[in-house]
Every structure is written in structure tokens, then in C-alpha cells.
Amino acid sequence: MLLSIPVAVIDHPPSGEDLSDSANAMVQFAGALSFLLVPIAIAAWRGATPREALRRLGLRGFRPSAIGWMFAAIGAYLLIAIVYVAIAGTPEQEDIAEGFGALPVQILLIVVAAPISEEICFRGMLFGGLRERMPRIAAALLSAAIFGGLHATTGVSAIPPLIGFGFVLCLLYEKTGSIVPGIILHMLNNSVALLGQ
């Protein structure tokens, strides 16, 4: 049982009018692009080449032992989700995928762009930066809280499990030294959520 982890950049225009599918998709793509380019620009501003910037943000290879940590992360997230559902009930989230048009566009935005850009931003930049100044658990909790909170527009009841998901992904990055395993799990989670809608 994986919970839906959609990107919550902007679901609706400020005026309350619905955007067209292509406009929704473009807004979502722009949000994902900003989550990707801002961390790279900050790393470059601090003197890194584009390749060094990506490495600093956690985009690097990982050892085979990361696979075991990935399974542990899945188990931890499922446990968090089960406990949350038992206590608070099933979280309700708005299905934002339909607003992006055709299924290939939904897959591109939700299964590919969101996991890559969110992992670079929230785990690579935010957690990575906080980790230099704070203990691991505090940095992971703060990064996860911001990650979960930014998804509030799709459903407030989904914030706690999303914080749990973000926390688990931070610890996965810490254990593997790479955000790539987190990207893979995020893609898997979003695939299941998209197919389940």
C-alpha cells in the first residue's frame, strides 16, 4: 500500500478558474524545472561546475548494498503508512494527474520529472545543506516537513505520511551517499499512485 505522492506546485490558478490540461502541464513542468535548476544554480554559484554541482547534490553512483537499504526504506515507509491509516484513516488527496492531459504527459510529469526534481531539491540540496549544520535526524525531519507541507494543496490529511516518506528518503540518502536510490523509490511510489487512480 503506497500512498500517492503527487507534486504540489500549483494545482489551480489563483483566480479559481480551471486551466487547460496543457497549461496545467506547463505549470507543473515549470515547478519541476525550478526544483531542479535552483539547486544546480546555487551549487554553481558556490563555485561548482555543472558536473560537480550534480555530484554535490547527491547524483552519484551507489554500491550494491544500497539495494538492501532501499528495501528497508520501503518497509519503513509501509509501516509508517499502515500506522497512519490505522490511527487517522486513509488520507484523501486530490487527483491532479487528470489535469495534465494524456497518460504519457502524466507519466512524464508525475513518474519522471517530480521524483528527479524533488529528490534533487529536498534531499540533495535541502537535507544535504541542513545536514552540514544540524544533526542527521533534525535535518531529515525539517527537510521532510517542508516536503510534506508543500504537498498540502492536494490534501492536508496526506501531509503526515508524506513527511514520513520524505524522512525515510533522507535517511536512505544518508546511508547510501546517493539520491539515486531515493529517485528510484519515488518513481516507484508515484507509478503505483498514478496507476491506482
C-alpha atoms as a PDB file:
ATOM      1  CA  MET A   1       0.000   0.000   0.000  1.00  0.00           C
ATOM      2  CA  LEU A   2       1.842   3.045  -1.248  1.00  0.00           C
ATOM      3  CA  LEU A   3       0.401   6.483  -0.777  1.00  0.00           C
ATOM      4  CA  SER A   4       0.061   8.957  -3.599  1.00  0.00           C
ATOM      5  CA  ILE A   5       2.942  11.417  -3.713  1.00  0.00           C
ATOM      6  CA  PRO A   6       1.971  13.972  -6.360  1.00  0.00           C
ATOM      7  CA  VAL A   7       3.895  17.151  -6.951  1.00  0.00           C
ATOM      8  CA  ALA A   8       2.035  20.067  -5.423  1.00  0.00           C
ATOM      9  CA  VAL A   9       3.491  23.040  -7.202  1.00  0.00           C
ATOM     10  CA  ILE A  10       0.261  24.730  -8.284  1.00  0.00           C
ATOM     11  CA  ASP A  11      -2.954  22.803  -8.679  1.00  0.00           C
ATOM     12  CA  HIS A  12      -5.257  25.664  -9.614  1.00  0.00           C
ATOM     13  CA  PRO A  13      -4.763  29.186 -10.870  1.00  0.00           C
ATOM     14  CA  PRO A  14      -5.111  31.886  -8.219  1.00  0.00           C
ATOM     15  CA  SER A  15      -8.315  33.232  -9.778  1.00  0.00           C
ATOM     16  CA  GLY A  16     -10.117  29.924  -9.182  1.00  0.00           C
ATOM     17  CA  GLU A  17     -10.654  29.316 -12.903  1.00  0.00           C
ATOM     18  CA  ASP A  18      -9.541  25.990 -14.298  1.00  0.00           C
ATOM     19  CA  LEU A  19      -6.520  25.943 -16.557  1.00  0.00           C
ATOM     20  CA  SER A  20      -6.438  23.844 -19.703  1.00  0.00           C
ATOM     21  CA  ASP A  21      -4.664  20.495 -19.500  1.00  0.00           C
ATOM     22  CA  SER A  22      -1.693  21.864 -21.425  1.00  0.00           C
ATOM     23  CA  ALA A  23      -1.475  24.933 -19.172  1.00  0.00           C
ATOM     24  CA  ASN A  24      -1.643  22.704 -16.053  1.00  0.00           C
ATOM     25  CA  ALA A  25       1.101  20.517 -17.505  1.00  0.00           C
ATOM     26  CA  MET A  26       3.267  23.544 -18.287  1.00  0.00           C
ATOM     27  CA  VAL A  27       2.826  24.940 -14.755  1.00  0.00           C
ATOM     28  CA  GLN A  28       3.763  21.541 -13.302  1.00  0.00           C
ATOM     29  CA  PHE A  29       6.765  21.261 -15.606  1.00  0.00           C
ATOM     30  CA  ALA A  30       7.916  24.776 -14.670  1.00  0.00           C
ATOM     31  CA  GLY A  31       7.696  23.876 -10.980  1.00  0.00           C
ATOM     32  CA  ALA A  32       9.691  20.686 -11.506  1.00  0.00           C
ATOM     33  CA  LEU A  33      12.250  22.585 -13.569  1.00  0.00           C
ATOM     34  CA  SER A  34      12.665  25.156 -10.809  1.00  0.00           C
ATOM     35  CA  PHE A  35      13.160  22.386  -8.214  1.00  0.00           C
ATOM     36  CA  LEU A  36      15.926  21.108 -10.483  1.00  0.00           C
ATOM     37  CA  LEU A  37      17.613  24.298 -11.679  1.00  0.00           C
ATOM     38  CA  VAL A  38      17.640  26.311  -8.446  1.00  0.00           C
ATOM     39  CA  PRO A  39      19.775  23.769  -6.545  1.00  0.00           C
ATOM     40  CA  ILE A  40      22.148  23.444  -9.507  1.00  0.00           C
ATOM     41  CA  ALA A  41      22.413  27.250  -9.772  1.00  0.00           C
ATOM     42  CA  ILE A  42      23.130  27.564  -6.043  1.00  0.00           C
ATOM     43  CA  ALA A  43      25.855  24.911  -6.261  1.00  0.00           C
ATOM     44  CA  ALA A  44      27.308  26.626  -9.341  1.00  0.00           C
ATOM     45  CA  TRP A  45      27.203  29.981  -7.544  1.00  0.00           C
ATOM     46  CA  ARG A  46      29.315  28.374  -4.839  1.00  0.00           C
ATOM     47  CA  GLY A  47      31.960  27.544  -7.452  1.00  0.00           C
ATOM     48  CA  ALA A  48      30.938  24.118  -8.754  1.00  0.00           C
ATOM     49  CA  THR A  49      30.958  23.108 -12.376  1.00  0.00           C
ATOM     50  CA  PRO A  50      27.642  21.628 -13.570  1.00  0.00           C
ATOM     51  CA  ARG A  51      29.050  18.120 -13.111  1.00  0.00           C
ATOM     52  CA  GLU A  52      30.370  18.927  -9.619  1.00  0.00           C
ATOM     53  CA  ALA A  53      27.031  20.562  -8.770  1.00  0.00           C
ATOM     54  CA  LEU A  54      25.130  17.366  -9.599  1.00  0.00           C
ATOM     55  CA  ARG A  55      27.593  15.336  -7.560  1.00  0.00           C
ATOM     56  CA  ARG A  56      27.273  17.712  -4.596  1.00  0.00           C
ATOM     57  CA  LEU A  57      23.507  17.333  -4.843  1.00  0.00           C
ATOM     58  CA  GLY A  58      23.823  13.568  -4.465  1.00  0.00           C
ATOM     59  CA  LEU A  59      23.588  12.452  -8.092  1.00  0.00           C
ATOM     60  CA  ARG A  60      26.265   9.812  -7.970  1.00  0.00           C
ATOM     61  CA  GLY A  61      26.580   6.077  -8.239  1.00  0.00           C
ATOM     62  CA  PHE A  62      25.868   3.804  -5.323  1.00  0.00           C
ATOM     63  CA  ARG A  63      27.098   0.466  -4.029  1.00  0.00           C
ATOM     64  CA  PRO A  64      25.065  -2.744  -4.330  1.00  0.00           C
ATOM     65  CA  SER A  65      24.404  -2.566  -0.575  1.00  0.00           C
ATOM     66  CA  ALA A  66      22.051   0.332  -1.385  1.00  0.00           C
ATOM     67  CA  ILE A  67      19.521  -2.217  -2.638  1.00  0.00           C
ATOM     68  CA  GLY A  68      19.171  -3.591   0.894  1.00  0.00           C
ATOM     69  CA  TRP A  69      18.703  -0.045   2.209  1.00  0.00           C
ATOM     70  CA  MET A  70      16.057   0.537  -0.465  1.00  0.00           C
ATOM     71  CA  PHE A  71      14.089  -2.483   0.761  1.00  0.00           C
ATOM     72  CA  ALA A  72      14.490  -1.250   4.331  1.00  0.00           C
ATOM     73  CA  ALA A  73      13.173   2.168   3.242  1.00  0.00           C
ATOM     74  CA  ILE A  74      10.153   0.578   1.558  1.00  0.00           C
ATOM     75  CA  GLY A  75       9.451  -1.408   4.726  1.00  0.00           C
ATOM     76  CA  ALA A  76       9.792   1.667   6.938  1.00  0.00           C
ATOM     77  CA  TYR A  77       7.508   3.723   4.709  1.00  0.00           C
ATOM     78  CA  LEU A  78       4.890   0.968   4.557  1.00  0.00           C
ATOM     79  CA  LEU A  79       4.980   0.713   8.346  1.00  0.00           C
ATOM     80  CA  ILE A  80       4.501   4.488   8.645  1.00  0.00           C
ATOM     81  CA  ALA A  81       1.606   4.347   6.161  1.00  0.00           C
ATOM     82  CA  ILE A  82      -0.079   1.412   7.926  1.00  0.00           C
ATOM     83  CA  VAL A  83       0.202   3.055  11.346  1.00  0.00           C
ATOM     84  CA  TYR A  84      -1.078   6.366   9.981  1.00  0.00           C
ATOM     85  CA  VAL A  85      -4.075   4.741   8.272  1.00  0.00           C
ATOM     86  CA  ALA A  86      -4.883   2.766  11.437  1.00  0.00           C
ATOM     87  CA  ILE A  87      -4.841   5.950  13.527  1.00  0.00           C
ATOM     88  CA  ALA A  88      -6.179   8.638  11.185  1.00  0.00           C
ATOM     89  CA  GLY A  89      -7.805   6.778   8.315  1.00  0.00           C
ATOM     90  CA  THR A  90      -6.923   6.798   4.649  1.00  0.00           C
ATOM     91  CA  PRO A  91      -5.522  10.157   3.551  1.00  0.00           C
ATOM     92  CA  GLU A  92      -7.562  11.977   0.941  1.00  0.00           C
ATOM     93  CA  GLN A  93      -5.751  13.611  -1.931  1.00  0.00           C
ATOM     94  CA  GLU A  94      -6.933  15.436  -4.982  1.00  0.00           C
ATOM     95  CA  ASP A  95      -6.158  13.635  -8.229  1.00  0.00           C
ATOM     96  CA  ILE A  96      -4.078  16.246 -10.011  1.00  0.00           C
ATOM     97  CA  ALA A  97      -2.944  13.827 -12.740  1.00  0.00           C
ATOM     98  CA  GLU A  98      -6.145  14.186 -14.771  1.00  0.00           C
ATOM     99  CA  GLY A  99      -5.455  17.902 -15.133  1.00  0.00           C
ATOM    100  CA  PHE A 100      -2.264  17.183 -17.086  1.00  0.00           C
ATOM    101  CA  GLY A 101      -3.957  15.615 -20.097  1.00  0.00           C
ATOM    102  CA  ALA A 102      -2.876  12.399 -21.799  1.00  0.00           C
ATOM    103  CA  LEU A 103      -1.352   9.500 -19.859  1.00  0.00           C
ATOM    104  CA  PRO A 104       2.151   9.928 -21.381  1.00  0.00           C
ATOM    105  CA  VAL A 105       2.226  13.533 -20.112  1.00  0.00           C
ATOM    106  CA  GLN A 106       1.039  12.371 -16.676  1.00  0.00           C
ATOM    107  CA  ILE A 107       3.804   9.751 -16.600  1.00  0.00           C
ATOM    108  CA  LEU A 108       6.441  12.277 -17.675  1.00  0.00           C
ATOM    109  CA  LEU A 109       5.417  14.795 -15.016  1.00  0.00           C
ATOM    110  CA  ILE A 110       4.478  12.547 -12.088  1.00  0.00           C
ATOM    111  CA  VAL A 111       6.664   9.466 -12.536  1.00  0.00           C
ATOM    112  CA  VAL A 112       9.793  11.025 -14.073  1.00  0.00           C
ATOM    113  CA  ALA A 113      10.061  14.800 -13.519  1.00  0.00           C
ATOM    114  CA  ALA A 114       8.652  15.000  -9.980  1.00  0.00           C
ATOM    115  CA  PRO A 115      10.877  12.324  -8.398  1.00  0.00           C
ATOM    116  CA  ILE A 116      14.055  13.613 -10.028  1.00  0.00           C
ATOM    117  CA  SER A 117      13.439  17.288  -9.283  1.00  0.00           C
ATOM    118  CA  GLU A 118      12.048  16.738  -5.771  1.00  0.00           C
ATOM    119  CA  GLU A 119      14.896  14.452  -4.736  1.00  0.00           C
ATOM    120  CA  ILE A 120      17.483  16.923  -6.012  1.00  0.00           C
ATOM    121  CA  CYS A 121      15.745  19.807  -4.238  1.00  0.00           C
ATOM    122  CA  PHE A 122      14.568  18.268  -0.966  1.00  0.00           C
ATOM    123  CA  ARG A 123      17.130  15.550  -0.335  1.00  0.00           C
ATOM    124  CA  GLY A 124      20.127  16.753  -2.350  1.00  0.00           C
ATOM    125  CA  MET A 125      20.017  20.471  -1.607  1.00  0.00           C
ATOM    126  CA  LEU A 126      17.813  20.980   1.446  1.00  0.00           C
ATOM    127  CA  PHE A 127      18.680  17.900   3.510  1.00  0.00           C
ATOM    128  CA  GLY A 128      22.285  17.997   2.293  1.00  0.00           C
ATOM    129  CA  GLY A 129      22.630  21.639   3.339  1.00  0.00           C
ATOM    130  CA  LEU A 130      20.851  21.174   6.652  1.00  0.00           C
ATOM    131  CA  ARG A 131      22.962  18.102   7.367  1.00  0.00           C
ATOM    132  CA  GLU A 132      26.086  20.301   7.379  1.00  0.00           C
ATOM    133  CA  ARG A 133      24.604  22.407  10.195  1.00  0.00           C
ATOM    134  CA  MET A 134      22.313  20.072  12.133  1.00  0.00           C
ATOM    135  CA  PRO A 135      22.234  16.510  13.438  1.00  0.00           C
ATOM    136  CA  ARG A 136      21.021  13.938  10.915  1.00  0.00           C
ATOM    137  CA  ILE A 137      17.576  13.319  12.460  1.00  0.00           C
ATOM    138  CA  ALA A 138      16.788  17.026  12.898  1.00  0.00           C
ATOM    139  CA  ALA A 139      17.888  17.787   9.329  1.00  0.00           C
ATOM    140  CA  ALA A 140      15.825  14.883   7.982  1.00  0.00           C
ATOM    141  CA  LEU A 141      12.728  15.942   9.949  1.00  0.00           C
ATOM    142  CA  LEU A 142      12.945  19.586   8.854  1.00  0.00           C
ATOM    143  CA  SER A 143      13.516  18.681   5.216  1.00  0.00           C
ATOM    144  CA  ALA A 144      10.684  16.124   5.337  1.00  0.00           C
ATOM    145  CA  ALA A 145       8.310  18.602   6.977  1.00  0.00           C
ATOM    146  CA  ILE A 146       8.913  21.137   4.217  1.00  0.00           C
ATOM    147  CA  PHE A 147       8.497  18.418   1.572  1.00  0.00           C
ATOM    148  CA  GLY A 148       5.225  17.231   3.118  1.00  0.00           C
ATOM    149  CA  GLY A 149       3.930  20.755   3.676  1.00  0.00           C
ATOM    150  CA  LEU A 150       4.417  21.722   0.040  1.00  0.00           C
ATOM    151  CA  HIS A 151       2.009  18.932  -0.891  1.00  0.00           C
ATOM    152  CA  ALA A 152      -0.791  20.408   1.256  1.00  0.00           C
ATOM    153  CA  THR A 153      -2.676  21.693  -1.771  1.00  0.00           C
ATOM    154  CA  THR A 154      -3.508  18.119  -2.776  1.00  0.00           C
ATOM    155  CA  GLY A 155      -4.877  17.164   0.645  1.00  0.00           C
ATOM    156  CA  VAL A 156      -3.962  18.103   4.199  1.00  0.00           C
ATOM    157  CA  SER A 157      -4.584  14.588   5.517  1.00  0.00           C
ATOM    158  CA  ALA A 158      -1.741  13.303   3.308  1.00  0.00           C
ATOM    159  CA  ILE A 159       0.889  15.581   4.880  1.00  0.00           C
ATOM    160  CA  PRO A 160       1.917  13.279   7.775  1.00  0.00           C
ATOM    161  CA  PRO A 161       2.591  10.224   5.587  1.00  0.00           C
ATOM    162  CA  LEU A 162       4.414  12.451   3.097  1.00  0.00           C
ATOM    163  CA  ILE A 163       6.586  13.738   5.923  1.00  0.00           C
ATOM    164  CA  GLY A 164       7.274  10.103   6.789  1.00  0.00           C
ATOM    165  CA  PHE A 165       8.154   9.367   3.169  1.00  0.00           C
ATOM    166  CA  GLY A 166      10.469  12.373   2.998  1.00  0.00           C
ATOM    167  CA  PHE A 167      12.132  11.383   6.280  1.00  0.00           C
ATOM    168  CA  VAL A 168      12.755   7.837   5.051  1.00  0.00           C
ATOM    169  CA  LEU A 169      14.216   9.179   1.781  1.00  0.00           C
ATOM    170  CA  CYS A 170      16.578  11.466   3.734  1.00  0.00           C
ATOM    171  CA  LEU A 171      17.847   8.523   5.753  1.00  0.00           C
ATOM    172  CA  LEU A 172      18.204   6.471   2.578  1.00  0.00           C
ATOM    173  CA  TYR A 173      20.379   9.229   1.094  1.00  0.00           C
ATOM    174  CA  GLU A 174      22.413   9.336   4.311  1.00  0.00           C
ATOM    175  CA  LYS A 175      23.001   5.566   4.232  1.00  0.00           C
ATOM    176  CA  THR A 176      23.768   5.228   0.514  1.00  0.00           C
ATOM    177  CA  GLY A 177      25.532   8.536  -0.197  1.00  0.00           C
ATOM    178  CA  SER A 178      23.383   8.963  -3.307  1.00  0.00           C
ATOM    179  CA  ILE A 179      19.946  10.350  -4.064  1.00  0.00           C
ATOM    180  CA  VAL A 180      19.551   7.888  -6.946  1.00  0.00           C
ATOM    181  CA  PRO A 181      18.037   5.123  -4.758  1.00  0.00           C
ATOM    182  CA  GLY A 182      15.540   7.708  -3.464  1.00  0.00           C
ATOM    183  CA  ILE A 183      14.710   8.778  -7.004  1.00  0.00           C
ATOM    184  CA  ILE A 184      14.022   5.140  -7.896  1.00  0.00           C
ATOM    185  CA  LEU A 185      11.741   4.628  -4.873  1.00  0.00           C
ATOM    186  CA  HIS A 186       9.993   7.946  -5.505  1.00  0.00           C
ATOM    187  CA  MET A 187       9.383   6.897  -9.126  1.00  0.00           C
ATOM    188  CA  LEU A 188       8.054   3.529  -7.967  1.00  0.00           C
ATOM    189  CA  ASN A 189       5.740   5.173  -5.445  1.00  0.00           C
ATOM    190  CA  ASN A 190       4.417   7.711  -7.943  1.00  0.00           C
ATOM    191  CA  SER A 191       3.934   4.952 -10.560  1.00  0.00           C
ATOM    192  CA  VAL A 192       1.808   2.935  -8.156  1.00  0.00           C
ATOM    193  CA  ALA A 193      -0.147   6.047  -7.149  1.00  0.00           C
ATOM    194  CA  LEU A 194      -0.756   7.055 -10.774  1.00  0.00           C
ATOM    195  CA  LEU A 195      -1.835   3.577 -11.848  1.00  0.00           C
ATOM    196  CA  GLY A 196      -4.089   3.283  -8.800  1.00  0.00           C
ATOM    197  CA  GLN A 197      -6.135   6.345  -9.733  1.00  0.00           C
END
